[in-house]
Amino acid sequence: MEHSFAPHIPGFNPLVGTASWSDKTLLDCGKFYPPTAKTPEARLRLYASPFHLVELHTLATHD
C-alpha cells in the first residue's frame, strides 16, 4: 500500500526529499552511516534510497 502525505490533486505530484546527507555531524558521530559507506557516493546512495529526491548543492564555474 502506498502512503500519501498530501491529498490527491489532479496534475499535482508532490515529491518528498531531504537535504544534508553530508552534514558533518552525521559523518563525525560514526553511528548514522554503516562502516561500509566509506565514500560520498556510497553515503548518498544509502541516504537517498528511501526518498524520491535529495537536494544537492554544487558550485559550477564558467570561463
PDB file of N, CA and C in Angstrom:
ATOM      1  N   MET A   1       0.837  -1.179   0.000  1.00  0.00           N
ATOM      2  CA  MET A   1       0.000   0.000   0.000  1.00  0.00           C
ATOM      3  C   MET A   1       0.879   1.239   0.000  1.00  0.00           C
ATOM      4  N   GLU A   2       0.612   2.156  -0.886  1.00  0.00           N
ATOM      5  CA  GLU A   2       1.388   3.393  -0.965  1.00  0.00           C
ATOM      6  C   GLU A   2       0.731   4.457  -0.104  1.00  0.00           C
ATOM      7  N   HIS A   3       1.538   5.188   0.648  1.00  0.00           N
ATOM      8  CA  HIS A   3       1.021   6.239   1.517  1.00  0.00           C
ATOM      9  C   HIS A   3       1.198   7.588   0.845  1.00  0.00           C
ATOM     10  N   SER A   4       0.307   8.496   1.145  1.00  0.00           N
ATOM     11  CA  SER A   4       0.385   9.838   0.594  1.00  0.00           C
ATOM     12  C   SER A   4       0.405  10.842   1.734  1.00  0.00           C
ATOM     13  N   PHE A   5       1.253  11.869   1.605  1.00  0.00           N
ATOM     14  CA  PHE A   5       1.335  12.923   2.605  1.00  0.00           C
ATOM     15  C   PHE A   5       0.460  14.112   2.235  1.00  0.00           C
ATOM     16  N   ALA A   6      -0.129  14.090   1.077  1.00  0.00           N
ATOM     17  CA  ALA A   6      -0.958  15.201   0.608  1.00  0.00           C
ATOM     18  C   ALA A   6      -2.210  14.637  -0.038  1.00  0.00           C
ATOM     19  N   PRO A   7      -3.292  15.411  -0.008  1.00  0.00           N
ATOM     20  CA  PRO A   7      -4.496  14.938  -0.696  1.00  0.00           C
ATOM     21  C   PRO A   7      -4.244  14.837  -2.191  1.00  0.00           C
ATOM     22  N   HIS A   8      -4.961  13.936  -2.847  1.00  0.00           N
ATOM     23  CA  HIS A   8      -4.787  13.784  -4.291  1.00  0.00           C
ATOM     24  C   HIS A   8      -5.385  14.985  -5.010  1.00  0.00           C
ATOM     25  N   ILE A   9      -4.566  15.660  -5.768  1.00  0.00           N
ATOM     26  CA  ILE A   9      -4.996  16.788  -6.586  1.00  0.00           C
ATOM     27  C   ILE A   9      -4.579  16.463  -8.011  1.00  0.00           C
ATOM     28  N   PRO A  10      -5.516  16.359  -8.927  1.00  0.00           N
ATOM     29  CA  PRO A  10      -5.165  16.026 -10.318  1.00  0.00           C
ATOM     30  C   PRO A  10      -4.094  16.970 -10.874  1.00  0.00           C
ATOM     31  N   GLY A  11      -3.066  16.389 -11.482  1.00  0.00           N
ATOM     32  CA  GLY A  11      -1.980  17.173 -12.069  1.00  0.00           C
ATOM     33  C   GLY A  11      -0.930  17.632 -11.074  1.00  0.00           C
ATOM     34  N   PHE A  12      -1.084  17.298  -9.816  1.00  0.00           N
ATOM     35  CA  PHE A  12      -0.133  17.707  -8.778  1.00  0.00           C
ATOM     36  C   PHE A  12       0.514  16.461  -8.201  1.00  0.00           C
ATOM     37  N   ASN A  13       1.819  16.349  -8.330  1.00  0.00           N
ATOM     38  CA  ASN A  13       2.542  15.178  -7.858  1.00  0.00           C
ATOM     39  C   ASN A  13       3.689  15.625  -6.956  1.00  0.00           C
ATOM     40  N   PRO A  14       3.423  15.861  -5.662  1.00  0.00           N
ATOM     41  CA  PRO A  14       4.498  16.325  -4.785  1.00  0.00           C
ATOM     42  C   PRO A  14       5.545  15.234  -4.570  1.00  0.00           C
ATOM     43  N   LEU A  15       6.784  15.649  -4.445  1.00  0.00           N
ATOM     44  CA  LEU A  15       7.879  14.730  -4.151  1.00  0.00           C
ATOM     45  C   LEU A  15       8.438  15.071  -2.778  1.00  0.00           C
ATOM     46  N   VAL A  16       8.806  14.060  -2.034  1.00  0.00           N
ATOM     47  CA  VAL A  16       9.382  14.253  -0.713  1.00  0.00           C
ATOM     48  C   VAL A  16      10.871  13.996  -0.818  1.00  0.00           C
ATOM     49  N   GLY A  17      11.652  14.887  -0.274  1.00  0.00           N
ATOM     50  CA  GLY A  17      13.099  14.735  -0.337  1.00  0.00           C
ATOM     51  C   GLY A  17      13.744  15.175   0.961  1.00  0.00           C
ATOM     52  N   THR A  18      15.045  15.274   0.927  1.00  0.00           N
ATOM     53  CA  THR A  18      15.786  15.670   2.111  1.00  0.00           C
ATOM     54  C   THR A  18      17.089  16.338   1.696  1.00  0.00           C
ATOM     55  N   ALA A  19      17.678  17.030   2.611  1.00  0.00           N
ATOM     56  CA  ALA A  19      18.970  17.680   2.378  1.00  0.00           C
ATOM     57  C   ALA A  19      19.923  17.254   3.498  1.00  0.00           C
ATOM     58  N   SER A  20      21.142  17.677   3.423  1.00  0.00           N
ATOM     59  CA  SER A  20      22.143  17.486   4.485  1.00  0.00           C
ATOM     60  C   SER A  20      22.688  16.074   4.605  1.00  0.00           C
ATOM     61  N   TRP A  21      22.708  15.321   3.511  1.00  0.00           N
ATOM     62  CA  TRP A  21      23.227  13.949   3.579  1.00  0.00           C
ATOM     63  C   TRP A  21      24.711  13.916   3.928  1.00  0.00           C
ATOM     64  N   SER A  22      25.419  15.035   3.709  1.00  0.00           N
ATOM     65  CA  SER A  22      26.852  15.068   4.026  1.00  0.00           C
ATOM     66  C   SER A  22      27.138  15.935   5.249  1.00  0.00           C
ATOM     67  N   ASP A  23      26.123  16.190   6.062  1.00  0.00           N
ATOM     68  CA  ASP A  23      26.300  17.010   7.255  1.00  0.00           C
ATOM     69  C   ASP A  23      27.417  16.437   8.123  1.00  0.00           C
ATOM     70  N   LYS A  24      28.285  17.318   8.590  1.00  0.00           N
ATOM     71  CA  LYS A  24      29.452  16.896   9.369  1.00  0.00           C
ATOM     72  C   LYS A  24      29.060  16.095  10.618  1.00  0.00           C
ATOM     73  N   THR A  25      27.962  16.450  11.261  1.00  0.00           N
ATOM     74  CA  THR A  25      27.566  15.715  12.470  1.00  0.00           C
ATOM     75  C   THR A  25      27.170  14.276  12.156  1.00  0.00           C
ATOM     76  N   LEU A  26      26.595  14.042  10.973  1.00  0.00           N
ATOM     77  CA  LEU A  26      26.252  12.667  10.584  1.00  0.00           C
ATOM     78  C   LEU A  26      27.508  11.846  10.326  1.00  0.00           C
ATOM     79  N   LEU A  27      28.520  12.494   9.770  1.00  0.00           N
ATOM     80  CA  LEU A  27      29.769  11.789   9.480  1.00  0.00           C
ATOM     81  C   LEU A  27      30.590  11.564  10.748  1.00  0.00           C
ATOM     82  N   ASP A  28      30.659  12.589  11.604  1.00  0.00           N
ATOM     83  CA  ASP A  28      31.512  12.518  12.790  1.00  0.00           C
ATOM     84  C   ASP A  28      30.985  11.590  13.886  1.00  0.00           C
ATOM     85  N   CYS A  29      29.674  11.406  13.958  1.00  0.00           N
ATOM     86  CA  CYS A  29      29.129  10.587  15.051  1.00  0.00           C
ATOM     87  C   CYS A  29      29.485   9.107  14.891  1.00  0.00           C
ATOM     88  N   GLY A  30      29.725   8.675  13.646  1.00  0.00           N
ATOM     89  CA  GLY A  30      30.093   7.285  13.414  1.00  0.00           C
ATOM     90  C   GLY A  30      28.960   6.289  13.598  1.00  0.00           C
ATOM     91  N   LYS A  31      27.729   6.787  13.784  1.00  0.00           N
ATOM     92  CA  LYS A  31      26.594   5.900  14.033  1.00  0.00           C
ATOM     93  C   LYS A  31      25.531   5.960  12.944  1.00  0.00           C
ATOM     94  N   PHE A  32      25.529   7.006  12.155  1.00  0.00           N
ATOM     95  CA  PHE A  32      24.463   7.177  11.170  1.00  0.00           C
ATOM     96  C   PHE A  32      24.669   6.292   9.946  1.00  0.00           C
ATOM     97  N   TYR A  33      25.864   6.321   9.392  1.00  0.00           N
ATOM     98  CA  TYR A  33      26.175   5.506   8.216  1.00  0.00           C
ATOM     99  C   TYR A  33      26.892   4.230   8.639  1.00  0.00           C
ATOM    100  N   PRO A  34      26.623   3.119   7.963  1.00  0.00           N
ATOM    101  CA  PRO A  34      27.347   1.882   8.289  1.00  0.00           C
ATOM    102  C   PRO A  34      28.810   1.999   7.858  1.00  0.00           C
ATOM    103  N   PRO A  35      29.681   1.212   8.442  1.00  0.00           N
ATOM    104  CA  PRO A  35      31.109   1.268   8.102  1.00  0.00           C
ATOM    105  C   PRO A  35      31.389   1.026   6.617  1.00  0.00           C
ATOM    106  N   THR A  36      30.490   0.359   5.926  1.00  0.00           N
ATOM    107  CA  THR A  36      30.706   0.083   4.502  1.00  0.00           C
ATOM    108  C   THR A  36      30.488   1.309   3.621  1.00  0.00           C
ATOM    109  N   ALA A  37      29.840   2.339   4.141  1.00  0.00           N
ATOM    110  CA  ALA A  37      29.582   3.565   3.367  1.00  0.00           C
ATOM    111  C   ALA A  37      30.756   4.520   3.561  1.00  0.00           C
ATOM    112  N   LYS A  38      31.853   4.235   2.876  1.00  0.00           N
ATOM    113  CA  LYS A  38      33.093   4.984   3.079  1.00  0.00           C
ATOM    114  C   LYS A  38      33.284   6.144   2.117  1.00  0.00           C
ATOM    115  N   THR A  39      32.581   6.145   1.001  1.00  0.00           N
ATOM    116  CA  THR A  39      32.757   7.209   0.011  1.00  0.00           C
ATOM    117  C   THR A  39      31.517   8.097  -0.019  1.00  0.00           C
ATOM    118  N   PRO A  40      31.663   9.337  -0.498  1.00  0.00           N
ATOM    119  CA  PRO A  40      30.475  10.189  -0.649  1.00  0.00           C
ATOM    120  C   PRO A  40      29.397   9.538  -1.513  1.00  0.00           C
ATOM    121  N   GLU A  41      29.793   8.863  -2.584  1.00  0.00           N
ATOM    122  CA  GLU A  41      28.814   8.196  -3.451  1.00  0.00           C
ATOM    123  C   GLU A  41      28.042   7.124  -2.685  1.00  0.00           C
ATOM    124  N   ALA A  42      28.737   6.323  -1.901  1.00  0.00           N
ATOM    125  CA  ALA A  42      28.076   5.260  -1.133  1.00  0.00           C
ATOM    126  C   ALA A  42      27.127   5.846  -0.093  1.00  0.00           C
ATOM    127  N   ARG A  43      27.546   6.933   0.567  1.00  0.00           N
ATOM    128  CA  ARG A  43      26.680   7.568   1.565  1.00  0.00           C
ATOM    129  C   ARG A  43      25.453   8.187   0.910  1.00  0.00           C
ATOM    130  N   LEU A  44      25.619   8.834  -0.243  1.00  0.00           N
ATOM    131  CA  LEU A  44      24.483   9.439  -0.934  1.00  0.00           C
ATOM    132  C   LEU A  44      23.493   8.374  -1.387  1.00  0.00           C
ATOM    133  N   ARG A  45      23.994   7.273  -1.929  1.00  0.00           N
ATOM    134  CA  ARG A  45      23.096   6.188  -2.359  1.00  0.00           C
ATOM    135  C   ARG A  45      22.279   5.653  -1.176  1.00  0.00           C
ATOM    136  N   LEU A  46      22.931   5.456  -0.058  1.00  0.00           N
ATOM    137  CA  LEU A  46      22.244   4.947   1.129  1.00  0.00           C
ATOM    138  C   LEU A  46      21.234   5.961   1.651  1.00  0.00           C
ATOM    139  N   TYR A  47      21.632   7.210   1.768  1.00  0.00           N
ATOM    140  CA  TYR A  47      20.779   8.264   2.317  1.00  0.00           C
ATOM    141  C   TYR A  47      19.576   8.528   1.425  1.00  0.00           C
ATOM    142  N   ALA A  48      19.789   8.473   0.116  1.00  0.00           N
ATOM    143  CA  ALA A  48      18.722   8.795  -0.835  1.00  0.00           C
ATOM    144  C   ALA A  48      17.752   7.640  -1.058  1.00  0.00           C
ATOM    145  N   SER A  49      18.103   6.442  -0.664  1.00  0.00           N
ATOM    146  CA  SER A  49      17.282   5.279  -1.012  1.00  0.00           C
ATOM    147  C   SER A  49      15.822   5.362  -0.550  1.00  0.00           C
ATOM    148  N   PRO A  50      15.483   5.928   0.618  1.00  0.00           N
ATOM    149  CA  PRO A  50      14.060   5.976   0.972  1.00  0.00           C
ATOM    150  C   PRO A  50      13.313   7.198   0.437  1.00  0.00           C
ATOM    151  N   PHE A  51      14.007   8.110  -0.247  1.00  0.00           N
ATOM    152  CA  PHE A  51      13.387   9.359  -0.684  1.00  0.00           C
ATOM    153  C   PHE A  51      13.254   9.429  -2.199  1.00  0.00           C
ATOM    154  N   HIS A  52      12.320  10.251  -2.660  1.00  0.00           N
ATOM    155  CA  HIS A  52      12.145  10.474  -4.091  1.00  0.00           C
ATOM    156  C   HIS A  52      13.164  11.462  -4.648  1.00  0.00           C
ATOM    157  N   LEU A  53      13.711  12.326  -3.804  1.00  0.00           N
ATOM    158  CA  LEU A  53      14.713  13.284  -4.261  1.00  0.00           C
ATOM    159  C   LEU A  53      15.590  13.692  -3.095  1.00  0.00           C
ATOM    160  N   VAL A  54      16.775  14.167  -3.425  1.00  0.00           N
ATOM    161  CA  VAL A  54      17.730  14.655  -2.440  1.00  0.00           C
ATOM    162  C   VAL A  54      18.286  15.958  -2.971  1.00  0.00           C
ATOM    163  N   GLU A  55      18.403  16.951  -2.100  1.00  0.00           N
ATOM    164  CA  GLU A  55      18.943  18.243  -2.502  1.00  0.00           C
ATOM    165  C   GLU A  55      20.461  18.139  -2.633  1.00  0.00           C
ATOM    166  N   LEU A  56      20.976  18.645  -3.723  1.00  0.00           N
ATOM    167  CA  LEU A  56      22.421  18.688  -3.939  1.00  0.00           C
ATOM    168  C   LEU A  56      22.843  20.134  -4.136  1.00  0.00           C
ATOM    169  N   HIS A  57      23.912  20.529  -3.489  1.00  0.00           N
ATOM    170  CA  HIS A  57      24.477  21.856  -3.689  1.00  0.00           C
ATOM    171  C   HIS A  57      25.776  21.679  -4.458  1.00  0.00           C
ATOM    172  N   THR A  58      25.878  22.328  -5.575  1.00  0.00           N
ATOM    173  CA  THR A  58      27.107  22.250  -6.353  1.00  0.00           C
ATOM    174  C   THR A  58      27.526  23.648  -6.750  1.00  0.00           C
ATOM    175  N   LEU A  59      28.779  23.804  -7.004  1.00  0.00           N
ATOM    176  CA  LEU A  59      29.318  25.069  -7.468  1.00  0.00           C
ATOM    177  C   LEU A  59      29.859  24.844  -8.870  1.00  0.00           C
ATOM    178  N   ALA A  60      29.347  25.572  -9.807  1.00  0.00           N
ATOM    179  CA  ALA A  60      29.807  25.457 -11.192  1.00  0.00           C
ATOM    180  C   ALA A  60      30.378  26.800 -11.617  1.00  0.00           C
ATOM    181  N   THR A  61      31.517  26.757 -12.236  1.00  0.00           N
ATOM    182  CA  THR A  61      32.115  27.997 -12.735  1.00  0.00           C
ATOM    183  C   THR A  61      32.238  27.917 -14.242  1.00  0.00           C
ATOM    184  N   HIS A  62      32.104  29.031 -14.854  1.00  0.00           N
ATOM    185  CA  HIS A  62      32.216  29.115 -16.308  1.00  0.00           C
ATOM    186  C   HIS A  62      33.321  30.089 -16.659  1.00  0.00           C
ATOM    187  N   ASP A  63      34.089  29.767 -17.676  1.00  0.00           N
ATOM    188  CA  ASP A  63      35.153  30.674 -18.131  1.00  0.00           C
ATOM    189  C   ASP A  63      34.590  31.762 -19.004  1.00  0.00           C
TER     190      ASP A  63
END
